[in-house]
Each structure stands twice: as structure tokens, then as C-alpha cells.
Amino acid sequence: MKKITYFYLKTCPYCRQADRLLEEARAKRPELAQVEIEKIEETERPDIADQYDYYYVPCFYLGKEKLLEGVPTYAAVEKALERAL
């Protein structure tokens, strides 16, 4: 199992939507709750955020592979969690 790195902004409505979708996916499929997620607020940790190539948040990475960027959907969030299993 691999860790997802999740870049977000506190003020981003799509990031709050991604948070809700993560909770929903983990509630519906308990095996997805095992996936570790490292949440990084990009303005608080620019030293880390600058090492990744993305323009929009929320943005999920598995290693250096981008899994999701921008407006999240349930399907995209679920797929990202499945890839990390």
C-alpha cells in the first residue's frame, strides 16, 4: 500500500468537496480507509509543494504520479484510493 500526497488550500471550496468525497468513499468501502493520506496545505509548505508539478488544488499524487487535479468527483477520488491500495 502506498501513501497519497494531497495538496490543498484552506480556502478552496473544491478541497472541502474532496475532503467530503474522501470520507464518503472510506465509509462506503472500509478497505479504502487503510490508505494513508498526507495532507499538505500548499501555502504552509511551499518547500514540498514546489517539488510537484500542478496548477490546481485539490491535487492527489501517488509518489510523483498525479492522480487527481482540480474539481474532484466521487469516481476520481475512489479511483485514486484504489490505486494506492
N, C-alpha and C. Protein backbone atom coordinates (compact mmCIF):
# COMPACT_ATOMS: atom_id res chain seq x y z
N MET A 1 0.85 -1.17 0.00
CA MET A 1 0.00 0.00 0.00
C MET A 1 0.89 1.24 0.00
N LYS A 2 0.48 2.23 -0.78
CA LYS A 2 1.26 3.46 -0.90
C LYS A 2 0.48 4.62 -0.30
N LYS A 3 1.22 5.69 -0.04
CA LYS A 3 0.63 6.90 0.56
C LYS A 3 0.25 7.88 -0.54
N ILE A 4 -0.91 8.52 -0.36
CA ILE A 4 -1.33 9.60 -1.25
C ILE A 4 -0.90 10.92 -0.62
N THR A 5 -0.28 11.77 -1.44
CA THR A 5 0.05 13.12 -1.03
C THR A 5 -1.04 14.03 -1.60
N TYR A 6 -1.68 14.77 -0.72
CA TYR A 6 -2.87 15.56 -1.06
C TYR A 6 -2.55 17.02 -0.79
N PHE A 7 -2.45 17.82 -1.87
CA PHE A 7 -2.21 19.26 -1.74
C PHE A 7 -3.55 19.98 -1.74
N TYR A 8 -3.68 20.94 -0.83
CA TYR A 8 -4.93 21.67 -0.69
C TYR A 8 -4.68 23.09 -0.20
N LEU A 9 -5.73 23.89 -0.24
CA LEU A 9 -5.74 25.22 0.36
C LEU A 9 -6.92 25.29 1.32
N LYS A 10 -6.72 25.92 2.44
CA LYS A 10 -7.79 26.03 3.45
C LYS A 10 -9.02 26.74 2.90
N THR A 11 -8.82 27.68 2.00
CA THR A 11 -9.92 28.50 1.49
C THR A 11 -10.59 27.93 0.23
N CYS A 12 -10.13 26.79 -0.24
CA CYS A 12 -10.62 26.21 -1.50
C CYS A 12 -11.90 25.40 -1.29
N PRO A 13 -12.99 25.79 -1.95
CA PRO A 13 -14.23 25.01 -1.81
C PRO A 13 -14.12 23.62 -2.43
N TYR A 14 -13.31 23.47 -3.47
CA TYR A 14 -13.14 22.15 -4.08
C TYR A 14 -12.33 21.21 -3.18
N CYS A 15 -11.45 21.78 -2.38
CA CYS A 15 -10.70 20.97 -1.42
C CYS A 15 -11.65 20.45 -0.33
N ARG A 16 -12.55 21.28 0.12
CA ARG A 16 -13.55 20.83 1.10
C ARG A 16 -14.43 19.74 0.48
N GLN A 17 -14.75 19.89 -0.80
CA GLN A 17 -15.53 18.88 -1.50
C GLN A 17 -14.72 17.57 -1.57
N ALA A 18 -13.43 17.66 -1.86
CA ALA A 18 -12.57 16.46 -1.90
C ALA A 18 -12.54 15.78 -0.54
N ASP A 19 -12.47 16.57 0.53
CA ASP A 19 -12.47 16.00 1.88
C ASP A 19 -13.75 15.20 2.13
N ARG A 20 -14.89 15.77 1.72
CA ARG A 20 -16.17 15.08 1.90
C ARG A 20 -16.22 13.79 1.07
N LEU A 21 -15.71 13.86 -0.14
CA LEU A 21 -15.72 12.68 -1.00
C LEU A 21 -14.78 11.59 -0.47
N LEU A 22 -13.66 11.99 0.10
CA LEU A 22 -12.76 11.02 0.74
C LEU A 22 -13.47 10.30 1.89
N GLU A 23 -14.13 11.09 2.73
CA GLU A 23 -14.87 10.49 3.85
C GLU A 23 -15.96 9.54 3.35
N GLU A 24 -16.67 9.97 2.32
CA GLU A 24 -17.76 9.16 1.77
C GLU A 24 -17.22 7.84 1.20
N ALA A 25 -16.15 7.92 0.42
CA ALA A 25 -15.57 6.71 -0.18
C ALA A 25 -15.07 5.75 0.90
N ARG A 26 -14.44 6.29 1.93
CA ARG A 26 -13.92 5.45 3.01
C ARG A 26 -15.05 4.84 3.84
N ALA A 27 -16.16 5.52 3.96
CA ALA A 27 -17.31 4.98 4.69
C ALA A 27 -17.99 3.86 3.90
N LYS A 28 -18.10 4.06 2.59
CA LYS A 28 -18.75 3.05 1.74
C LYS A 28 -17.88 1.82 1.54
N ARG A 29 -16.56 2.03 1.49
CA ARG A 29 -15.63 0.93 1.24
C ARG A 29 -14.52 0.96 2.29
N PRO A 30 -14.73 0.29 3.40
CA PRO A 30 -13.79 0.34 4.53
C PRO A 30 -12.34 0.01 4.17
N GLU A 31 -12.11 -0.81 3.14
CA GLU A 31 -10.73 -1.13 2.78
C GLU A 31 -9.98 0.11 2.29
N LEU A 32 -10.70 1.10 1.78
CA LEU A 32 -10.07 2.34 1.32
C LEU A 32 -9.60 3.20 2.49
N ALA A 33 -10.15 2.96 3.66
CA ALA A 33 -9.74 3.72 4.86
C ALA A 33 -8.32 3.38 5.28
N GLN A 34 -7.78 2.29 4.76
CA GLN A 34 -6.42 1.89 5.10
C GLN A 34 -5.37 2.75 4.41
N VAL A 35 -5.74 3.44 3.35
CA VAL A 35 -4.79 4.24 2.58
C VAL A 35 -4.38 5.47 3.40
N GLU A 36 -3.08 5.62 3.55
CA GLU A 36 -2.55 6.78 4.27
C GLU A 36 -2.58 8.00 3.35
N ILE A 37 -3.04 9.12 3.89
CA ILE A 37 -3.10 10.36 3.12
C ILE A 37 -2.33 11.43 3.88
N GLU A 38 -1.34 12.00 3.21
CA GLU A 38 -0.57 13.10 3.78
C GLU A 38 -1.14 14.39 3.19
N LYS A 39 -1.82 15.18 4.02
CA LYS A 39 -2.41 16.44 3.56
C LYS A 39 -1.39 17.56 3.76
N ILE A 40 -1.16 18.31 2.69
CA ILE A 40 -0.19 19.40 2.72
C ILE A 40 -0.89 20.67 2.26
N GLU A 41 -0.97 21.64 3.15
CA GLU A 41 -1.52 22.96 2.81
C GLU A 41 -0.40 23.69 2.06
N GLU A 42 -0.62 23.95 0.79
CA GLU A 42 0.49 24.41 -0.05
C GLU A 42 1.11 25.74 0.36
N THR A 43 0.34 26.64 0.97
CA THR A 43 0.94 27.91 1.39
C THR A 43 1.76 27.77 2.67
N GLU A 44 1.48 26.71 3.43
CA GLU A 44 2.25 26.47 4.65
C GLU A 44 3.50 25.66 4.39
N ARG A 45 3.51 24.89 3.30
CA ARG A 45 4.66 24.03 2.98
C ARG A 45 5.09 24.19 1.51
N PRO A 46 5.44 25.42 1.11
CA PRO A 46 5.85 25.61 -0.29
C PRO A 46 7.12 24.83 -0.63
N ASP A 47 7.93 24.52 0.38
CA ASP A 47 9.14 23.73 0.13
C ASP A 47 8.80 22.36 -0.44
N ILE A 48 7.68 21.79 -0.03
CA ILE A 48 7.24 20.50 -0.55
C ILE A 48 6.42 20.70 -1.82
N ALA A 49 5.47 21.62 -1.79
CA ALA A 49 4.58 21.84 -2.93
C ALA A 49 5.36 22.19 -4.20
N ASP A 50 6.45 22.92 -4.07
CA ASP A 50 7.23 23.32 -5.24
C ASP A 50 7.94 22.15 -5.91
N GLN A 51 7.99 21.01 -5.26
CA GLN A 51 8.64 19.84 -5.84
C GLN A 51 7.70 19.07 -6.77
N TYR A 52 6.43 19.48 -6.83
CA TYR A 52 5.42 18.80 -7.64
C TYR A 52 4.91 19.72 -8.74
N ASP A 53 4.50 19.13 -9.85
CA ASP A 53 4.03 19.88 -11.00
C ASP A 53 2.50 19.87 -11.06
N TYR A 54 1.88 20.89 -10.51
CA TYR A 54 0.42 21.02 -10.57
C TYR A 54 0.05 22.49 -10.55
N TYR A 55 -1.17 22.77 -11.01
CA TYR A 55 -1.66 24.16 -11.06
C TYR A 55 -2.86 24.37 -10.15
N TYR A 56 -3.66 23.32 -9.98
CA TYR A 56 -4.91 23.46 -9.24
C TYR A 56 -4.96 22.52 -8.05
N VAL A 57 -5.67 22.95 -7.04
CA VAL A 57 -5.95 22.09 -5.90
C VAL A 57 -7.45 21.82 -5.91
N PRO A 58 -7.87 20.73 -5.35
CA PRO A 58 -7.08 19.68 -4.72
C PRO A 58 -6.26 18.92 -5.76
N CYS A 59 -5.15 18.38 -5.30
CA CYS A 59 -4.30 17.60 -6.17
C CYS A 59 -3.77 16.40 -5.37
N PHE A 60 -3.97 15.21 -5.92
CA PHE A 60 -3.52 13.97 -5.27
C PHE A 60 -2.37 13.38 -6.08
N TYR A 61 -1.34 12.95 -5.38
CA TYR A 61 -0.21 12.26 -6.01
C TYR A 61 0.01 10.93 -5.32
N LEU A 62 0.46 9.97 -6.11
CA LEU A 62 0.93 8.68 -5.62
C LEU A 62 2.39 8.64 -6.05
N GLY A 63 3.29 8.90 -5.11
CA GLY A 63 4.68 9.12 -5.48
C GLY A 63 4.73 10.41 -6.28
N LYS A 64 5.23 10.33 -7.52
CA LYS A 64 5.26 11.51 -8.40
C LYS A 64 4.20 11.42 -9.50
N GLU A 65 3.31 10.42 -9.41
CA GLU A 65 2.23 10.25 -10.38
C GLU A 65 1.00 11.03 -9.93
N LYS A 66 0.57 11.96 -10.77
CA LYS A 66 -0.62 12.76 -10.45
C LYS A 66 -1.86 11.92 -10.69
N LEU A 67 -2.72 11.83 -9.67
CA LEU A 67 -3.94 11.03 -9.76
C LEU A 67 -5.18 11.90 -9.95
N LEU A 68 -5.15 13.10 -9.42
CA LEU A 68 -6.33 13.97 -9.47
C LEU A 68 -5.85 15.41 -9.35
N GLU A 69 -6.42 16.29 -10.15
CA GLU A 69 -6.10 17.72 -10.04
C GLU A 69 -7.34 18.52 -10.39
N GLY A 70 -7.70 19.43 -9.52
CA GLY A 70 -8.84 20.29 -9.79
C GLY A 70 -10.13 19.74 -9.20
N VAL A 71 -11.23 20.08 -9.83
CA VAL A 71 -12.56 19.73 -9.32
C VAL A 71 -12.68 18.22 -9.14
N PRO A 72 -12.93 17.75 -7.91
CA PRO A 72 -13.00 16.32 -7.66
C PRO A 72 -14.39 15.75 -7.94
N THR A 73 -14.39 14.46 -8.29
CA THR A 73 -15.64 13.70 -8.39
C THR A 73 -15.47 12.49 -7.49
N TYR A 74 -16.60 11.89 -7.14
CA TYR A 74 -16.52 10.68 -6.31
C TYR A 74 -15.71 9.61 -7.03
N ALA A 75 -15.96 9.42 -8.32
CA ALA A 75 -15.26 8.38 -9.08
C ALA A 75 -13.76 8.60 -9.09
N ALA A 76 -13.33 9.85 -9.27
CA ALA A 76 -11.89 10.14 -9.31
C ALA A 76 -11.23 9.92 -7.94
N VAL A 77 -11.92 10.30 -6.88
CA VAL A 77 -11.39 10.11 -5.53
C VAL A 77 -11.30 8.61 -5.22
N GLU A 78 -12.35 7.88 -5.54
CA GLU A 78 -12.36 6.44 -5.30
C GLU A 78 -11.24 5.76 -6.09
N LYS A 79 -11.07 6.14 -7.34
CA LYS A 79 -10.02 5.55 -8.18
C LYS A 79 -8.64 5.84 -7.61
N ALA A 80 -8.42 7.05 -7.12
CA ALA A 80 -7.13 7.40 -6.52
C ALA A 80 -6.85 6.52 -5.30
N LEU A 81 -7.85 6.35 -4.45
CA LEU A 81 -7.67 5.49 -3.27
C LEU A 81 -7.41 4.04 -3.68
N GLU A 82 -8.10 3.57 -4.71
CA GLU A 82 -7.89 2.19 -5.19
C GLU A 82 -6.47 2.01 -5.69
N ARG A 83 -5.92 3.00 -6.41
CA ARG A 83 -4.56 2.90 -6.93
C ARG A 83 -3.53 2.80 -5.80
N ALA A 84 -3.85 3.38 -4.66
CA ALA A 84 -2.91 3.36 -3.53
C ALA A 84 -2.96 2.06 -2.74
N LEU A 85 -4.01 1.27 -2.93
CA LEU A 85 -4.12 0.01 -2.18
C LEU A 85 -3.02 -0.97 -2.53
